[in-house]
């Protein structure tokens, strides 16, 4: 039986609305974000998750706890699923970042992410997330569903890293909306199992796909 991973982004925060980089700053959900989490939890609970793990930052943890209450599953915080560390940019808008670090931000746009003080690169964040996901999956039984609650940037880079997509393709993946999710499904015969990205930035439950493309 196929296993399934639901990678779920946290609900909205005031910094999301203001366009401020959150990174590993521990910002809370706003009222809309709490409502988003409660609403999405009612849908995701129908998948009967076997396990719920989440970033230990409160916006992800509180989103996960909304599902844990409905599904009757204990939430397991894990700092390896934290958002990418944006270093000195955290708390700043995009415009403020350019004003404060003009040369470093130009380098960032050109692909050199090492010039902003104290930052983690997308590659480092993606590899961190992917390694944690591989570790958690070691104990997921056949046919069960795992829910991972995390953050926009680390989900995008982490899923791409987990699926071994070339880093040059990572920017082609759009950002996840607050409280939307992506789905990874284990496929293939027992002798050759592999993971597929079957949904991206979804807000509805995954449905069986009728196709010849297996």
C-alpha atoms as a PDB file:
ATOM      1  CA  UNK A   1       0.000   0.000   0.000  1.00  0.00           C
ATOM      2  CA  UNK A   2       1.229   3.495  -0.870  1.00  0.00           C
ATOM      3  CA  UNK A   3       2.323   5.918   1.797  1.00  0.00           C
ATOM      4  CA  UNK A   4       1.492   9.605   1.536  1.00  0.00           C
ATOM      5  CA  UNK A   5       3.025  12.831   2.849  1.00  0.00           C
ATOM      6  CA  UNK A   6       1.007  16.028   3.199  1.00  0.00           C
ATOM      7  CA  UNK A   7       3.359  19.013   3.454  1.00  0.00           C
ATOM      8  CA  UNK A   8       1.243  21.814   4.907  1.00  0.00           C
ATOM      9  CA  UNK A   9       2.155  25.487   5.222  1.00  0.00           C
ATOM     10  CA  UNK A  10       1.147  27.369   8.365  1.00  0.00           C
ATOM     11  CA  UNK A  11      -1.708  29.870   8.517  1.00  0.00           C
ATOM     12  CA  UNK A  12      -1.412  33.606   7.999  1.00  0.00           C
ATOM     13  CA  UNK A  13       0.551  35.964  10.255  1.00  0.00           C
ATOM     14  CA  UNK A  14       0.660  39.751  10.544  1.00  0.00           C
ATOM     15  CA  UNK A  15       4.140  39.685   9.016  1.00  0.00           C
ATOM     16  CA  UNK A  16       2.767  37.838   5.980  1.00  0.00           C
ATOM     17  CA  UNK A  17       0.316  40.681   5.449  1.00  0.00           C
ATOM     18  CA  UNK A  18       3.012  43.314   5.923  1.00  0.00           C
ATOM     19  CA  UNK A  19       5.411  41.544   3.555  1.00  0.00           C
ATOM     20  CA  UNK A  20       8.071  41.125   6.245  1.00  0.00           C
ATOM     21  CA  UNK A  21      10.567  38.273   6.058  1.00  0.00           C
ATOM     22  CA  UNK A  22       9.866  35.906   8.955  1.00  0.00           C
ATOM     23  CA  UNK A  23      12.439  33.157   8.601  1.00  0.00           C
ATOM     24  CA  UNK A  24      13.123  31.693  12.029  1.00  0.00           C
ATOM     25  CA  UNK A  25      11.647  34.662  13.900  1.00  0.00           C
ATOM     26  CA  UNK A  26       8.901  33.158  16.060  1.00  0.00           C
ATOM     27  CA  UNK A  27       5.851  35.093  14.873  1.00  0.00           C
ATOM     28  CA  UNK A  28       2.308  34.005  15.837  1.00  0.00           C
ATOM     29  CA  UNK A  29      -0.713  33.328  13.665  1.00  0.00           C
ATOM     30  CA  UNK A  30      -3.111  36.229  13.307  1.00  0.00           C
ATOM     31  CA  UNK A  31      -6.880  35.819  13.638  1.00  0.00           C
ATOM     32  CA  UNK A  32      -7.274  34.900   9.973  1.00  0.00           C
ATOM     33  CA  UNK A  33      -4.418  32.411  10.275  1.00  0.00           C
ATOM     34  CA  UNK A  34      -6.071  30.671  13.201  1.00  0.00           C
ATOM     35  CA  UNK A  35      -9.329  30.435  11.253  1.00  0.00           C
ATOM     36  CA  UNK A  36      -7.458  29.069   8.234  1.00  0.00           C
ATOM     37  CA  UNK A  37      -5.833  26.390  10.372  1.00  0.00           C
ATOM     38  CA  UNK A  38      -9.130  25.310  11.932  1.00  0.00           C
ATOM     39  CA  UNK A  39     -10.877  25.148   8.560  1.00  0.00           C
ATOM     40  CA  UNK A  40      -8.110  23.215   6.786  1.00  0.00           C
ATOM     41  CA  UNK A  41      -7.757  20.854   9.744  1.00  0.00           C
ATOM     42  CA  UNK A  42     -11.340  19.696   9.322  1.00  0.00           C
ATOM     43  CA  UNK A  43     -10.558  18.647   5.746  1.00  0.00           C
ATOM     44  CA  UNK A  44      -7.150  17.106   6.394  1.00  0.00           C
ATOM     45  CA  UNK A  45      -8.468  15.055   9.307  1.00  0.00           C
ATOM     46  CA  UNK A  46     -10.439  13.040   6.754  1.00  0.00           C
ATOM     47  CA  UNK A  47      -7.102  11.573   5.602  1.00  0.00           C
ATOM     48  CA  UNK A  48      -6.676  10.003   9.053  1.00  0.00           C
ATOM     49  CA  UNK A  49      -3.030  10.978   9.518  1.00  0.00           C
ATOM     50  CA  UNK A  50      -0.881   8.423  11.278  1.00  0.00           C
ATOM     51  CA  UNK A  51       1.629  11.026  12.429  1.00  0.00           C
ATOM     52  CA  UNK A  52       1.871  14.836  12.530  1.00  0.00           C
ATOM     53  CA  UNK A  53       5.288  16.487  12.758  1.00  0.00           C
ATOM     54  CA  UNK A  54       5.915  20.218  12.565  1.00  0.00           C
ATOM     55  CA  UNK A  55       8.388  23.028  12.840  1.00  0.00           C
ATOM     56  CA  UNK A  56       8.771  24.089  16.451  1.00  0.00           C
ATOM     57  CA  UNK A  57       8.045  27.733  15.552  1.00  0.00           C
ATOM     58  CA  UNK A  58       4.653  28.704  16.981  1.00  0.00           C
ATOM     59  CA  UNK A  59       2.940  29.608  13.692  1.00  0.00           C
ATOM     60  CA  UNK A  60       3.567  26.085  12.399  1.00  0.00           C
ATOM     61  CA  UNK A  61       3.048  24.370  15.746  1.00  0.00           C
ATOM     62  CA  UNK A  62      -0.325  26.026  16.349  1.00  0.00           C
ATOM     63  CA  UNK A  63      -1.430  25.166  12.806  1.00  0.00           C
ATOM     64  CA  UNK A  64      -0.443  21.537  13.419  1.00  0.00           C
ATOM     65  CA  UNK A  65      -2.225  21.473  16.772  1.00  0.00           C
ATOM     66  CA  UNK A  66      -5.495  22.449  15.091  1.00  0.00           C
ATOM     67  CA  UNK A  67      -5.253  19.231  13.069  1.00  0.00           C
ATOM     68  CA  UNK A  68      -4.011  17.205  16.023  1.00  0.00           C
ATOM     69  CA  UNK A  69      -7.101  18.098  18.038  1.00  0.00           C
ATOM     70  CA  UNK A  70      -9.496  17.060  15.278  1.00  0.00           C
ATOM     71  CA  UNK A  71      -7.573  13.936  14.207  1.00  0.00           C
ATOM     72  CA  UNK A  72      -6.724  12.803  17.724  1.00  0.00           C
ATOM     73  CA  UNK A  73      -3.012  12.616  16.907  1.00  0.00           C
ATOM     74  CA  UNK A  74      -0.210  14.010  19.061  1.00  0.00           C
ATOM     75  CA  UNK A  75       1.801  16.755  17.383  1.00  0.00           C
ATOM     76  CA  UNK A  76       5.584  16.302  17.327  1.00  0.00           C
ATOM     77  CA  UNK A  77       7.606  19.546  17.004  1.00  0.00           C
ATOM     78  CA  UNK A  78      10.963  19.161  15.246  1.00  0.00           C
ATOM     79  CA  UNK A  79      13.304  22.134  14.750  1.00  0.00           C
ATOM     80  CA  UNK A  80      14.679  20.577  11.533  1.00  0.00           C
ATOM     81  CA  UNK A  81      11.448  21.661   9.807  1.00  0.00           C
ATOM     82  CA  UNK A  82      11.929  25.319  10.727  1.00  0.00           C
ATOM     83  CA  UNK A  83      11.777  27.973   8.056  1.00  0.00           C
ATOM     84  CA  UNK A  84      14.942  28.952   6.229  1.00  0.00           C
ATOM     85  CA  UNK A  85      17.062  31.322   8.310  1.00  0.00           C
ATOM     86  CA  UNK A  86      17.138  34.647   6.455  1.00  0.00           C
ATOM     87  CA  UNK A  87      19.627  36.179   8.895  1.00  0.00           C
ATOM     88  CA  UNK A  88      19.813  39.983   8.908  1.00  0.00           C
ATOM     89  CA  UNK A  89      16.831  40.241   6.521  1.00  0.00           C
ATOM     90  CA  UNK A  90      14.351  38.941   9.075  1.00  0.00           C
ATOM     91  CA  UNK A  91      11.776  41.553  10.024  1.00  0.00           C
ATOM     92  CA  UNK A  92      12.456  43.588   6.891  1.00  0.00           C
ATOM     93  CA  UNK A  93      10.364  44.020   3.777  1.00  0.00           C
ATOM     94  CA  UNK A  94      11.906  43.377   0.363  1.00  0.00           C
ATOM     95  CA  UNK A  95      12.354  47.135  -0.143  1.00  0.00           C
ATOM     96  CA  UNK A  96      13.944  47.603   3.283  1.00  0.00           C
ATOM     97  CA  UNK A  97      16.341  44.747   2.580  1.00  0.00           C
ATOM     98  CA  UNK A  98      17.545  46.492  -0.594  1.00  0.00           C
ATOM     99  CA  UNK A  99      17.931  49.782   1.267  1.00  0.00           C
ATOM    100  CA  UNK A 100      19.985  48.222   4.052  1.00  0.00           C
ATOM    101  CA  UNK A 101      21.980  45.662   2.059  1.00  0.00           C
ATOM    102  CA  UNK A 102      22.042  46.895  -1.566  1.00  0.00           C
ATOM    103  CA  UNK A 103      25.113  44.975  -2.731  1.00  0.00           C
ATOM    104  CA  UNK A 104      24.238  41.821  -0.811  1.00  0.00           C
ATOM    105  CA  UNK A 105      20.715  41.836  -2.238  1.00  0.00           C
ATOM    106  CA  UNK A 106      22.023  42.318  -5.770  1.00  0.00           C
ATOM    107  CA  UNK A 107      24.221  39.278  -5.176  1.00  0.00           C
ATOM    108  CA  UNK A 108      21.183  37.405  -3.796  1.00  0.00           C
ATOM    109  CA  UNK A 109      19.212  38.086  -6.952  1.00  0.00           C
ATOM    110  CA  UNK A 110      22.163  36.878  -9.030  1.00  0.00           C
ATOM    111  CA  UNK A 111      22.300  33.604  -7.120  1.00  0.00           C
ATOM    112  CA  UNK A 112      24.893  34.302  -4.394  1.00  0.00           C
ATOM    113  CA  UNK A 113      22.961  33.949  -1.137  1.00  0.00           C
ATOM    114  CA  UNK A 114      26.008  34.152   1.122  1.00  0.00           C
ATOM    115  CA  UNK A 115      26.372  37.945   1.241  1.00  0.00           C
ATOM    116  CA  UNK A 116      23.449  38.738   3.566  1.00  0.00           C
ATOM    117  CA  UNK A 117      24.810  38.414   7.126  1.00  0.00           C
ATOM    118  CA  UNK A 118      23.959  35.225   9.046  1.00  0.00           C
ATOM    119  CA  UNK A 119      21.720  33.762   6.331  1.00  0.00           C
ATOM    120  CA  UNK A 120      21.105  30.143   5.406  1.00  0.00           C
ATOM    121  CA  UNK A 121      21.035  29.342   1.693  1.00  0.00           C
ATOM    122  CA  UNK A 122      18.074  27.742  -0.060  1.00  0.00           C
ATOM    123  CA  UNK A 123      20.242  24.678  -0.724  1.00  0.00           C
ATOM    124  CA  UNK A 124      21.178  24.317   2.944  1.00  0.00           C
ATOM    125  CA  UNK A 125      17.558  24.725   4.042  1.00  0.00           C
ATOM    126  CA  UNK A 126      16.302  22.268   1.416  1.00  0.00           C
ATOM    127  CA  UNK A 127      18.840  19.612   2.356  1.00  0.00           C
ATOM    128  CA  UNK A 128      18.018  20.065   6.054  1.00  0.00           C
ATOM    129  CA  UNK A 129      14.291  19.568   5.408  1.00  0.00           C
ATOM    130  CA  UNK A 130      14.834  16.608   3.064  1.00  0.00           C
ATOM    131  CA  UNK A 131      17.116  14.811   5.527  1.00  0.00           C
ATOM    132  CA  UNK A 132      14.554  15.256   8.303  1.00  0.00           C
ATOM    133  CA  UNK A 133      11.752  13.964   6.075  1.00  0.00           C
ATOM    134  CA  UNK A 134      13.752  10.865   5.110  1.00  0.00           C
ATOM    135  CA  UNK A 135      14.384  10.247   8.812  1.00  0.00           C
ATOM    136  CA  UNK A 136      10.715  10.562   9.790  1.00  0.00           C
ATOM    137  CA  UNK A 137       9.608   8.315   6.909  1.00  0.00           C
ATOM    138  CA  UNK A 138      11.719   5.444   8.203  1.00  0.00           C
ATOM    139  CA  UNK A 139       8.994   4.753  10.794  1.00  0.00           C
ATOM    140  CA  UNK A 140       5.903   5.406   8.653  1.00  0.00           C
ATOM    141  CA  UNK A 141       4.030   2.123   8.039  1.00  0.00           C
ATOM    142  CA  UNK A 142       2.745   1.077   4.626  1.00  0.00           C
ATOM    143  CA  UNK A 143      -0.482   2.756   3.569  1.00  0.00           C
ATOM    144  CA  UNK A 144      -0.291   5.516   6.187  1.00  0.00           C
ATOM    145  CA  UNK A 145      -0.292   9.297   5.874  1.00  0.00           C
ATOM    146  CA  UNK A 146       2.264  11.655   7.390  1.00  0.00           C
ATOM    147  CA  UNK A 147       1.523  15.372   7.785  1.00  0.00           C
ATOM    148  CA  UNK A 148       4.462  17.780   7.972  1.00  0.00           C
ATOM    149  CA  UNK A 149       3.596  21.361   8.945  1.00  0.00           C
ATOM    150  CA  UNK A 150       6.248  23.891   7.995  1.00  0.00           C
ATOM    151  CA  UNK A 151       6.926  27.119   6.094  1.00  0.00           C
ATOM    152  CA  UNK A 152       6.820  28.422   2.537  1.00  0.00           C
ATOM    153  CA  UNK A 153      10.488  28.655   1.576  1.00  0.00           C
ATOM    154  CA  UNK A 154      11.661  25.501   3.321  1.00  0.00           C
ATOM    155  CA  UNK A 155       8.740  23.496   1.926  1.00  0.00           C
ATOM    156  CA  UNK A 156       9.522  24.580  -1.620  1.00  0.00           C
ATOM    157  CA  UNK A 157      13.232  23.874  -1.348  1.00  0.00           C
ATOM    158  CA  UNK A 158      12.781  20.826   0.869  1.00  0.00           C
ATOM    159  CA  UNK A 159      10.349  19.048  -1.428  1.00  0.00           C
ATOM    160  CA  UNK A 160      12.548  19.795  -4.442  1.00  0.00           C
ATOM    161  CA  UNK A 161      15.603  18.489  -2.604  1.00  0.00           C
ATOM    162  CA  UNK A 162      13.752  15.399  -1.361  1.00  0.00           C
ATOM    163  CA  UNK A 163      12.681  14.567  -4.927  1.00  0.00           C
ATOM    164  CA  UNK A 164      16.211  15.286  -6.201  1.00  0.00           C
ATOM    165  CA  UNK A 165      15.156  17.990  -8.638  1.00  0.00           C
ATOM    166  CA  UNK A 166      18.147  19.966  -9.979  1.00  0.00           C
ATOM    167  CA  UNK A 167      18.577  23.178  -8.026  1.00  0.00           C
ATOM    168  CA  UNK A 168      18.338  25.140 -11.272  1.00  0.00           C
ATOM    169  CA  UNK A 169      14.629  24.152 -11.428  1.00  0.00           C
ATOM    170  CA  UNK A 170      13.669  25.137  -7.885  1.00  0.00           C
ATOM    171  CA  UNK A 171      12.560  28.657  -8.787  1.00  0.00           C
ATOM    172  CA  UNK A 172       9.978  27.260 -11.191  1.00  0.00           C
ATOM    173  CA  UNK A 173       7.904  26.100  -8.211  1.00  0.00           C
ATOM    174  CA  UNK A 174       5.448  28.754  -7.096  1.00  0.00           C
ATOM    175  CA  UNK A 175       5.079  29.785  -3.469  1.00  0.00           C
ATOM    176  CA  UNK A 176       2.536  28.006  -1.266  1.00  0.00           C
ATOM    177  CA  UNK A 177      -0.428  29.998  -0.009  1.00  0.00           C
ATOM    178  CA  UNK A 178      -1.054  30.156   3.715  1.00  0.00           C
ATOM    179  CA  UNK A 179      -2.593  26.889   4.941  1.00  0.00           C
ATOM    180  CA  UNK A 180      -2.307  25.227   1.522  1.00  0.00           C
ATOM    181  CA  UNK A 181      -0.454  21.958   1.107  1.00  0.00           C
ATOM    182  CA  UNK A 182       1.422  19.750  -1.310  1.00  0.00           C
ATOM    183  CA  UNK A 183       1.211  15.968  -1.578  1.00  0.00           C
ATOM    184  CA  UNK A 184       3.945  13.372  -2.036  1.00  0.00           C
ATOM    185  CA  UNK A 185       2.803   9.856  -2.904  1.00  0.00           C
ATOM    186  CA  UNK A 186       4.890   6.707  -2.848  1.00  0.00           C
ATOM    187  CA  UNK A 187       4.636   4.859  -6.157  1.00  0.00           C
ATOM    188  CA  UNK A 188       6.063   1.922  -8.079  1.00  0.00           C
ATOM    189  CA  UNK A 189       6.255  -1.843  -7.514  1.00  0.00           C
ATOM    190  CA  UNK A 190       7.472  -3.207  -4.137  1.00  0.00           C
ATOM    191  CA  UNK A 191      10.934  -3.785  -5.562  1.00  0.00           C
ATOM    192  CA  UNK A 192      11.325  -0.215  -6.795  1.00  0.00           C
ATOM    193  CA  UNK A 193       9.476   2.332  -4.691  1.00  0.00           C
ATOM    194  CA  UNK A 194       9.858   6.049  -5.371  1.00  0.00           C
ATOM    195  CA  UNK A 195       8.142   9.333  -4.477  1.00  0.00           C
ATOM    196  CA  UNK A 196       6.035  11.513  -6.748  1.00  0.00           C
ATOM    197  CA  UNK A 197       4.781  15.058  -6.363  1.00  0.00           C
ATOM    198  CA  UNK A 198       1.058  14.528  -6.936  1.00  0.00           C
ATOM    199  CA  UNK A 199      -0.349  17.891  -5.773  1.00  0.00           C
ATOM    200  CA  UNK A 200       1.137  21.365  -5.289  1.00  0.00           C
ATOM    201  CA  UNK A 201      -0.330  24.358  -3.438  1.00  0.00           C
ATOM    202  CA  UNK A 202      -3.637  22.562  -2.986  1.00  0.00           C
ATOM    203  CA  UNK A 203      -6.563  23.471  -0.759  1.00  0.00           C
ATOM    204  CA  UNK A 204      -8.706  20.430  -1.458  1.00  0.00           C
ATOM    205  CA  UNK A 205      -8.187  16.809  -0.496  1.00  0.00           C
ATOM    206  CA  UNK A 206      -6.237  14.624  -2.932  1.00  0.00           C
ATOM    207  CA  UNK A 207      -8.413  12.337  -5.035  1.00  0.00           C
ATOM    208  CA  UNK A 208      -7.505   9.105  -6.855  1.00  0.00           C
ATOM    209  CA  UNK A 209      -6.026   9.829 -10.274  1.00  0.00           C
ATOM    210  CA  UNK A 210      -7.312   7.769 -13.170  1.00  0.00           C
ATOM    211  CA  UNK A 211      -4.452   7.635 -15.670  1.00  0.00           C
ATOM    212  CA  UNK A 212      -2.254   5.352 -17.734  1.00  0.00           C
ATOM    213  CA  UNK A 213       0.817   7.323 -16.643  1.00  0.00           C
ATOM    214  CA  UNK A 214       2.053   5.007 -13.876  1.00  0.00           C
END
